[in-house]
Amino acid sequence: MEGGTLVEIILCGAGQVGRTAAELLAAEGHSVTVVDYNVDATRRVSDTMDVRTLVGNSAQASVLEEAGVADADMLVAATQNDEINLLTAALAHRMGARRSVARVHQAAFYQTERHDYARMLGIDHLICPEYSAAQAIGRAIRNPAAMAVEQFAHGHVQMQEFTALKGAGGTLAELGLPQGVRVCVIFRGAEAIVPSASAEIRAGDRVVLAGNSESFQKARKLFGSDRAARGIVVMGTSSTARWLGRALRDRAFSVRVFESDRERAEDIAERFEWMTVLNADPTDPRTFEEEHIADADWFIAATDSDEHNIISAAWARSQGVARVACVVQSPSYLQLIRHVGIDHAFSPRKSAVDEIVGLLDRRQVRTVSSLAPGVLDIYVANLDGLCPFLDTPLKDVKALPGWIVAGVQRSDGGDDPDASFVPTATDRLQAGDSMLIIGPSGSEGVLAEAIGAREDRRP
């Protein structure tokens, strides 16, 4: 949070996401106003929480005025209607809210390949619960650090860990890695090494490599790799399942999707050509045996039915699948999962709430993942004009000796691939850049001091 700083928050929508977010934010001592057109919904909120409520249509400017939008630090539009959320957040931006956030479910609104709705409407942030849940599943399946990097860089920078099958044949400086690729960490036995230019890679080392997407595979070939495709079985073609399919594209995974409805199966097969789509029920014993599903590394139940997902994932575990997970809309089911043999459960609604609460964390330095618990962490540092090493070639920055800058996100870059990159030794940082950096665990304070971070940053 903000170290106790009070912020004014307007939550539009008193559904499960709005109520849960209101409860958490009010408990932190923030001033919360909940807006909903449904009298009963607002009454349930006011009866159980110390928040202000307002009955009305949040897409009407007069209602937002009454809610105090001009003085709001953040407005979150989280009704059940995407279009109302977009209009509400756009109005809030025009009417003076410091930040506006809209929850959307439809991929057409969230994806930016053709139309960037947030930018066109002046909205600061879009939240897609199904996307957030799919990313959480991806983090469980993959290296959490790798997912942190790819989220930071909108997928334009990759990070992977692999075992080198052969030595590099010289130091890193002599190796000639492609531009835009960095060796971040070398694991040699129990030792984690942050490499310098004079470091060497030996056969059997585990190497963590970060690189711009177009250069990544070329760099991997220098070392060889024993990484085989991992088998992922996804049951269902819900929105979360589709987002998961996108997250696992071209990531050394063999993804099979099972869909019982033939028409939906054909549609997904046409749109997601990198996955194998089968018109079958994976929990049918005959299909389970014929498709060798027991040999899969992961079984993920991601239909639109919570109960079906829970039962199917538990059954798959009983049949010998190594790791199983399920998607549930109702967060109340999350406490049940560990009692029925399921490794993980993911709730899009909970993911949305976590993202809303996380938006209030405006610290300039945050720990986002760990490469070696207790040894090396990954941090994000947001640079402003007070950073003492702006416009200095990275090779000349002395403030953080032994740290690795694994990625840079240039301000206002959006989804432009050129705005997210792995820097070279001659690159220079700018005010507004976000820096992904690897350093000793528990060193947020050291990094904050090095970049000249300010203590108080409101939303």
Foldseek 3Di string as FASTA:
>chain_A
DQPLDAFEEEEEALPPLSLVLQQVNVVSVYAYEYEEQDPVSQVVSVVPGDYHYDHDQLLDLVRCVVSPLQRGQEYEYEHPDQVSQLSNQLSSQVNHHNAYEYEDADVVQVDPPPHPSCVVSVHDYYHHLLLLLLLVVVVVVAPVVQSLQCVVQVNQKGKDKFFFQAKLPFFQLPSDQDPQKDFQWKDDPPDIARDDRRDIGGGGIIIIMMGGPVRPVVRCVSRDGPQAAAEEEEEADPSSNLSNLVVCAPVSHAYEYEAQDPVVQVVCCVVRVRHHYHNDGCQPVVNVVVVVQLRGQEYEYEHPDQVVRLVSQLVSVVVRHNAYEYEDQDPVCQVVRVVSPHDYYTHSSVSRSVVVVVVFPPFQKDFSAAPNVQFKTKMKGAAAPQFPQAPHQQLPDPLDPSKAFQWKAAAPCPNPSVRITGHDRRDGDDHGMITIMMDTPPCRVSVCVNRVTDSGDGD
